[in-house]
C-alpha atoms as a PDB file:
ATOM      1  CA  UNK A   1       3.501  -4.058  33.640  1.00  0.00           C
ATOM      2  CA  UNK A   2       0.903  -2.069  31.731  1.00  0.00           C
ATOM      3  CA  UNK A   3       1.302  -0.359  28.511  1.00  0.00           C
ATOM      4  CA  UNK A   4      -1.230   2.336  27.271  1.00  0.00           C
ATOM      5  CA  UNK A   5      -1.944   2.088  23.679  1.00  0.00           C
ATOM      6  CA  UNK A   6      -2.784   5.624  22.209  1.00  0.00           C
ATOM      7  CA  UNK A   7      -4.209   4.000  19.116  1.00  0.00           C
ATOM      8  CA  UNK A   8      -6.838   2.081  21.033  1.00  0.00           C
ATOM      9  CA  UNK A   9      -7.411   3.895  24.369  1.00  0.00           C
ATOM     10  CA  UNK A  10      -7.013   0.449  25.987  1.00  0.00           C
ATOM     11  CA  UNK A  11      -4.507  -0.864  28.464  1.00  0.00           C
ATOM     12  CA  UNK A  12      -2.670  -4.028  27.862  1.00  0.00           C
ATOM     13  CA  UNK A  13      -1.482  -5.966  30.947  1.00  0.00           C
ATOM     14  CA  UNK A  14       1.667  -7.936  30.178  1.00  0.00           C
ATOM     15  CA  UNK A  15       2.061 -10.966  32.520  1.00  0.00           C
ATOM     16  CA  UNK A  16       2.908 -14.637  32.292  1.00  0.00           C
ATOM     17  CA  UNK A  17       4.013 -14.602  28.552  1.00  0.00           C
ATOM     18  CA  UNK A  18       7.548 -13.493  28.883  1.00  0.00           C
ATOM     19  CA  UNK A  19       8.894  -9.967  28.012  1.00  0.00           C
ATOM     20  CA  UNK A  20       8.232 -10.135  24.280  1.00  0.00           C
ATOM     21  CA  UNK A  21       4.505 -11.000  24.084  1.00  0.00           C
ATOM     22  CA  UNK A  22       1.252  -9.840  25.500  1.00  0.00           C
ATOM     23  CA  UNK A  23      -1.940 -11.757  26.029  1.00  0.00           C
ATOM     24  CA  UNK A  24      -4.975 -11.365  23.812  1.00  0.00           C
ATOM     25  CA  UNK A  25      -6.853  -8.221  24.820  1.00  0.00           C
ATOM     26  CA  UNK A  26      -9.735  -5.846  24.192  1.00  0.00           C
ATOM     27  CA  UNK A  27      -9.365  -5.819  20.378  1.00  0.00           C
ATOM     28  CA  UNK A  28      -7.059  -8.739  19.618  1.00  0.00           C
ATOM     29  CA  UNK A  29      -7.777 -12.459  19.711  1.00  0.00           C
ATOM     30  CA  UNK A  30      -4.200 -13.512  19.634  1.00  0.00           C
ATOM     31  CA  UNK A  31      -1.090 -12.500  21.582  1.00  0.00           C
ATOM     32  CA  UNK A  32       0.805  -9.513  20.210  1.00  0.00           C
ATOM     33  CA  UNK A  33       4.448  -8.564  20.485  1.00  0.00           C
ATOM     34  CA  UNK A  34       5.958  -5.653  22.489  1.00  0.00           C
ATOM     35  CA  UNK A  35       7.104  -4.118  19.144  1.00  0.00           C
ATOM     36  CA  UNK A  36       3.512  -4.145  18.085  1.00  0.00           C
ATOM     37  CA  UNK A  37       2.534  -2.346  21.319  1.00  0.00           C
ATOM     38  CA  UNK A  38       5.370   0.137  20.852  1.00  0.00           C
ATOM     39  CA  UNK A  39       4.047   0.853  17.421  1.00  0.00           C
ATOM     40  CA  UNK A  40       0.629   2.016  18.855  1.00  0.00           C
ATOM     41  CA  UNK A  41       2.385   3.804  21.701  1.00  0.00           C
ATOM     42  CA  UNK A  42       3.911   6.227  19.281  1.00  0.00           C
ATOM     43  CA  UNK A  43       6.443   4.462  17.204  1.00  0.00           C
ATOM     44  CA  UNK A  44       8.445   6.087  14.343  1.00  0.00           C
ATOM     45  CA  UNK A  45       6.476   4.329  11.560  1.00  0.00           C
ATOM     46  CA  UNK A  46       3.262   5.847  12.795  1.00  0.00           C
ATOM     47  CA  UNK A  47       4.624   9.347  12.756  1.00  0.00           C
ATOM     48  CA  UNK A  48       5.879   8.780   9.254  1.00  0.00           C
ATOM     49  CA  UNK A  49       2.314   7.567   8.220  1.00  0.00           C
ATOM     50  CA  UNK A  50       0.691  10.541   9.935  1.00  0.00           C
ATOM     51  CA  UNK A  51       2.702  12.823   7.670  1.00  0.00           C
ATOM     52  CA  UNK A  52       1.750  10.834   4.620  1.00  0.00           C
ATOM     53  CA  UNK A  53      -1.883  11.170   5.738  1.00  0.00           C
ATOM     54  CA  UNK A  54      -1.622  14.957   6.130  1.00  0.00           C
ATOM     55  CA  UNK A  55      -0.273  15.106   2.568  1.00  0.00           C
ATOM     56  CA  UNK A  56      -3.378  13.273   1.468  1.00  0.00           C
ATOM     57  CA  UNK A  57      -5.900  15.370   3.408  1.00  0.00           C
ATOM     58  CA  UNK A  58      -7.175  16.818   0.115  1.00  0.00           C
ATOM     59  CA  UNK A  59      -9.378  13.796  -0.407  1.00  0.00           C
ATOM     60  CA  UNK A  60     -11.769  15.139   2.238  1.00  0.00           C
ATOM     61  CA  UNK A  61     -13.804  18.350   2.829  1.00  0.00           C
ATOM     62  CA  UNK A  62     -11.421  19.789   5.390  1.00  0.00           C
ATOM     63  CA  UNK A  63     -13.937  19.179   8.246  1.00  0.00           C
ATOM     64  CA  UNK A  64     -12.262  16.717  10.658  1.00  0.00           C
ATOM     65  CA  UNK A  65     -13.689  14.448  13.335  1.00  0.00           C
ATOM     66  CA  UNK A  66     -12.366  11.566  15.438  1.00  0.00           C
ATOM     67  CA  UNK A  67     -13.471   8.364  14.019  1.00  0.00           C
ATOM     68  CA  UNK A  68     -12.192   4.714  14.280  1.00  0.00           C
ATOM     69  CA  UNK A  69     -11.224   2.088  11.942  1.00  0.00           C
ATOM     70  CA  UNK A  70     -10.131  -1.513  12.193  1.00  0.00           C
ATOM     71  CA  UNK A  71      -7.341  -3.355  10.425  1.00  0.00           C
ATOM     72  CA  UNK A  72      -8.699  -5.892   7.895  1.00  0.00           C
ATOM     73  CA  UNK A  73      -6.257  -8.497   9.011  1.00  0.00           C
ATOM     74  CA  UNK A  74      -5.788  -8.419  12.815  1.00  0.00           C
ATOM     75  CA  UNK A  75      -8.802  -6.395  13.679  1.00  0.00           C
ATOM     76  CA  UNK A  76      -6.858  -3.757  15.658  1.00  0.00           C
ATOM     77  CA  UNK A  77      -9.076  -0.743  16.352  1.00  0.00           C
ATOM     78  CA  UNK A  78      -7.367   2.560  15.882  1.00  0.00           C
ATOM     79  CA  UNK A  79      -8.712   6.133  16.690  1.00  0.00           C
ATOM     80  CA  UNK A  80      -8.356   8.300  13.628  1.00  0.00           C
ATOM     81  CA  UNK A  81      -8.561  11.882  12.805  1.00  0.00           C
ATOM     82  CA  UNK A  82     -10.329  11.869   9.527  1.00  0.00           C
ATOM     83  CA  UNK A  83     -12.462  14.072   7.196  1.00  0.00           C
ATOM     84  CA  UNK A  84     -16.058  14.092   8.298  1.00  0.00           C
ATOM     85  CA  UNK A  85     -17.185  12.734   4.909  1.00  0.00           C
ATOM     86  CA  UNK A  86     -15.227   9.570   5.202  1.00  0.00           C
ATOM     87  CA  UNK A  87     -17.043   6.292   5.170  1.00  0.00           C
ATOM     88  CA  UNK A  88     -16.282   3.371   7.598  1.00  0.00           C
ATOM     89  CA  UNK A  89     -14.615   1.484   4.764  1.00  0.00           C
ATOM     90  CA  UNK A  90     -12.280   4.397   4.235  1.00  0.00           C
ATOM     91  CA  UNK A  91     -11.437   4.534   7.946  1.00  0.00           C
ATOM     92  CA  UNK A  92     -10.799   0.837   7.921  1.00  0.00           C
ATOM     93  CA  UNK A  93      -8.403   1.126   4.971  1.00  0.00           C
ATOM     94  CA  UNK A  94      -6.486   3.847   6.705  1.00  0.00           C
ATOM     95  CA  UNK A  95      -6.387   1.856   9.852  1.00  0.00           C
ATOM     96  CA  UNK A  96      -5.070  -1.167   7.903  1.00  0.00           C
ATOM     97  CA  UNK A  97      -2.358   0.945   6.337  1.00  0.00           C
ATOM     98  CA  UNK A  98      -1.191   2.243   9.795  1.00  0.00           C
ATOM     99  CA  UNK A  99      -1.380  -1.146  11.445  1.00  0.00           C
ATOM    100  CA  UNK A 100       1.890  -2.859  12.353  1.00  0.00           C
ATOM    101  CA  UNK A 101       0.797  -6.466  11.744  1.00  0.00           C
ATOM    102  CA  UNK A 102       2.840  -8.344   9.198  1.00  0.00           C
ATOM    103  CA  UNK A 103      -0.177  -8.864   6.928  1.00  0.00           C
ATOM    104  CA  UNK A 104      -1.112  -5.258   6.948  1.00  0.00           C
ATOM    105  CA  UNK A 105       2.474  -4.203   6.270  1.00  0.00           C
ATOM    106  CA  UNK A 106       2.632  -6.612   3.220  1.00  0.00           C
ATOM    107  CA  UNK A 107      -0.760  -5.363   2.080  1.00  0.00           C
ATOM    108  CA  UNK A 108       0.336  -1.619   2.333  1.00  0.00           C
ATOM    109  CA  UNK A 109       3.638  -2.401   0.524  1.00  0.00           C
ATOM    110  CA  UNK A 110       1.884  -4.066  -2.372  1.00  0.00           C
ATOM    111  CA  UNK A 111      -0.701  -1.395  -2.477  1.00  0.00           C
ATOM    112  CA  UNK A 112       1.929   1.298  -2.867  1.00  0.00           C
ATOM    113  CA  UNK A 113       3.748  -0.729  -5.379  1.00  0.00           C
ATOM    114  CA  UNK A 114       0.599  -0.945  -7.549  1.00  0.00           C
ATOM    115  CA  UNK A 115      -0.038   2.817  -7.204  1.00  0.00           C
ATOM    116  CA  UNK A 116       3.581   3.570  -8.271  1.00  0.00           C
ATOM    117  CA  UNK A 117       3.409   1.012 -11.099  1.00  0.00           C
ATOM    118  CA  UNK A 118       0.178   2.712 -12.483  1.00  0.00           C
ATOM    119  CA  UNK A 119       1.979   6.072 -12.213  1.00  0.00           C
ATOM    120  CA  UNK A 120       4.880   4.737 -14.191  1.00  0.00           C
ATOM    121  CA  UNK A 121       2.721   3.165 -16.789  1.00  0.00           C
ATOM    122  CA  UNK A 122       0.859   6.568 -17.227  1.00  0.00           C
ATOM    123  CA  UNK A 123       4.095   8.277 -17.551  1.00  0.00           C
ATOM    124  CA  UNK A 124       5.503   5.863 -20.113  1.00  0.00           C
ATOM    125  CA  UNK A 125       2.398   5.192 -22.014  1.00  0.00           C
ATOM    126  CA  UNK A 126      -0.222   7.846 -21.164  1.00  0.00           C
ATOM    127  CA  UNK A 127      -0.590  11.533 -21.970  1.00  0.00           C
ATOM    128  CA  UNK A 128       3.039  12.352 -21.017  1.00  0.00           C
ATOM    129  CA  UNK A 129       4.419   9.821 -23.562  1.00  0.00           C
ATOM    130  CA  UNK A 130       5.774  10.620 -27.004  1.00  0.00           C
ATOM    131  CA  UNK A 131       3.203   8.197 -28.495  1.00  0.00           C
ATOM    132  CA  UNK A 132       0.073   7.708 -26.236  1.00  0.00           C
ATOM    133  CA  UNK A 133      -1.189   4.164 -26.025  1.00  0.00           C
ATOM    134  CA  UNK A 134      -5.067   3.405 -26.034  1.00  0.00           C
ATOM    135  CA  UNK A 135      -6.862   3.361 -22.658  1.00  0.00           C
ATOM    136  CA  UNK A 136      -7.499  -0.254 -23.073  1.00  0.00           C
ATOM    137  CA  UNK A 137      -3.894  -1.008 -23.503  1.00  0.00           C
ATOM    138  CA  UNK A 138      -2.999   1.104 -20.324  1.00  0.00           C
ATOM    139  CA  UNK A 139      -5.677  -0.855 -18.317  1.00  0.00           C
ATOM    140  CA  UNK A 140      -4.167  -4.081 -19.602  1.00  0.00           C
ATOM    141  CA  UNK A 141      -0.659  -2.956 -18.496  1.00  0.00           C
ATOM    142  CA  UNK A 142      -2.105  -2.086 -15.102  1.00  0.00           C
ATOM    143  CA  UNK A 143      -3.653  -5.560 -14.863  1.00  0.00           C
ATOM    144  CA  UNK A 144      -0.272  -7.149 -15.695  1.00  0.00           C
ATOM    145  CA  UNK A 145       1.474  -5.014 -13.171  1.00  0.00           C
ATOM    146  CA  UNK A 146      -1.008  -6.232 -10.462  1.00  0.00           C
ATOM    147  CA  UNK A 147      -0.444  -9.843 -11.375  1.00  0.00           C
ATOM    148  CA  UNK A 148       3.362  -9.285 -11.288  1.00  0.00           C
ATOM    149  CA  UNK A 149       3.241  -7.609  -7.871  1.00  0.00           C
ATOM    150  CA  UNK A 150       0.884 -10.441  -6.525  1.00  0.00           C
ATOM    151  CA  UNK A 151       3.538 -13.034  -7.866  1.00  0.00           C
ATOM    152  CA  UNK A 152       1.090 -14.605 -10.195  1.00  0.00           C
ATOM    153  CA  UNK A 153       3.452 -13.795 -13.143  1.00  0.00           C
ATOM    154  CA  UNK A 154       7.274 -13.364 -13.173  1.00  0.00           C
ATOM    155  CA  UNK A 155       7.006 -10.723 -15.821  1.00  0.00           C
ATOM    156  CA  UNK A 156       4.701  -9.660 -18.611  1.00  0.00           C
ATOM    157  CA  UNK A 157       5.539  -8.236 -22.109  1.00  0.00           C
ATOM    158  CA  UNK A 158       2.967  -6.658 -24.376  1.00  0.00           C
ATOM    159  CA  UNK A 159       3.674  -6.080 -28.053  1.00  0.00           C
ATOM    160  CA  UNK A 160       1.618  -3.072 -29.213  1.00  0.00           C
ATOM    161  CA  UNK A 161       2.668  -3.209 -32.793  1.00  0.00           C
ATOM    162  CA  UNK A 162       4.824  -0.716 -34.791  1.00  0.00           C
ATOM    163  CA  UNK A 163       7.946  -1.648 -32.834  1.00  0.00           C
ATOM    164  CA  UNK A 164       6.499  -0.634 -29.425  1.00  0.00           C
ATOM    165  CA  UNK A 165       6.702  -2.991 -26.513  1.00  0.00           C
ATOM    166  CA  UNK A 166       6.107  -2.745 -22.856  1.00  0.00           C
ATOM    167  CA  UNK A 167       7.566  -5.094 -20.194  1.00  0.00           C
ATOM    168  CA  UNK A 168       6.758  -5.158 -16.502  1.00  0.00           C
ATOM    169  CA  UNK A 169       8.781  -7.080 -14.017  1.00  0.00           C
ATOM    170  CA  UNK A 170      10.063  -7.094 -10.457  1.00  0.00           C
ATOM    171  CA  UNK A 171      13.693  -6.347 -10.014  1.00  0.00           C
ATOM    172  CA  UNK A 172      16.063  -8.189  -7.774  1.00  0.00           C
ATOM    173  CA  UNK A 173      15.564  -5.407  -5.226  1.00  0.00           C
ATOM    174  CA  UNK A 174      11.782  -5.926  -5.194  1.00  0.00           C
ATOM    175  CA  UNK A 175      10.886  -2.937  -7.130  1.00  0.00           C
ATOM    176  CA  UNK A 176       8.536  -2.758 -10.020  1.00  0.00           C
ATOM    177  CA  UNK A 177      10.136  -2.156 -13.387  1.00  0.00           C
ATOM    178  CA  UNK A 178       8.143  -0.687 -16.309  1.00  0.00           C
ATOM    179  CA  UNK A 179      10.074  -0.760 -19.441  1.00  0.00           C
ATOM    180  CA  UNK A 180       9.095   0.860 -22.821  1.00  0.00           C
ATOM    181  CA  UNK A 181      10.936  -0.298 -25.977  1.00  0.00           C
ATOM    182  CA  UNK A 182      10.783   1.296 -29.422  1.00  0.00           C
ATOM    183  CA  UNK A 183      12.284  -0.762 -32.097  1.00  0.00           C
ATOM    184  CA  UNK A 184      13.166   0.816 -35.455  1.00  0.00           C
ATOM    185  CA  UNK A 185      14.231  -1.438 -38.116  1.00  0.00           C
ATOM    186  CA  UNK A 186      15.647  -0.281 -41.392  1.00  0.00           C
ATOM    187  CA  UNK A 187      16.379  -2.504 -44.314  1.00  0.00           C
ATOM    188  CA  UNK A 188      17.282  -1.671 -47.742  1.00  0.00           C
ATOM    189  CA  UNK A 189      17.764  -3.974 -50.727  1.00  0.00           C
ATOM    190  CA  UNK A 190      19.728  -2.927 -53.768  1.00  0.00           C
END
């Protein structure tokens, strides 16, 4: 049995490894699963990622060419339609985001979480906030969010004074929670 992989232009010959694995091939050094091959033969996730890529086309000049990039984790080479001013590093980053290997999927999920956390921090403490925090504080909150996402911290709380606090944590659903607290305390002695 042979499977043509549209992402690589190569042909994988599946033999002697059972129905669920393929031998190491042109761009891989270890056997891959059939699900991995289906991913590169036009799986649903790839179509979803292509749509996301089309939404982000504004990053380039509008002139496109066919390039190639390799996954940072498994080395899978993928043919990409990218803006002509993209570097090899940018192509490799996109290929990694499109790859179906477990490490690439974890990397992509964490990268998206970090991007969303920074957006939430900007929304809660940046220009859109009632009281804007300093750029250093926003940078510190982004660093705390990265440490929380990378499981180096369970949560982080930053007291900014004047009753303002920020807390960043991971919810039980695995989402990043950015919480802003304003405490007003009033006392009166008579």
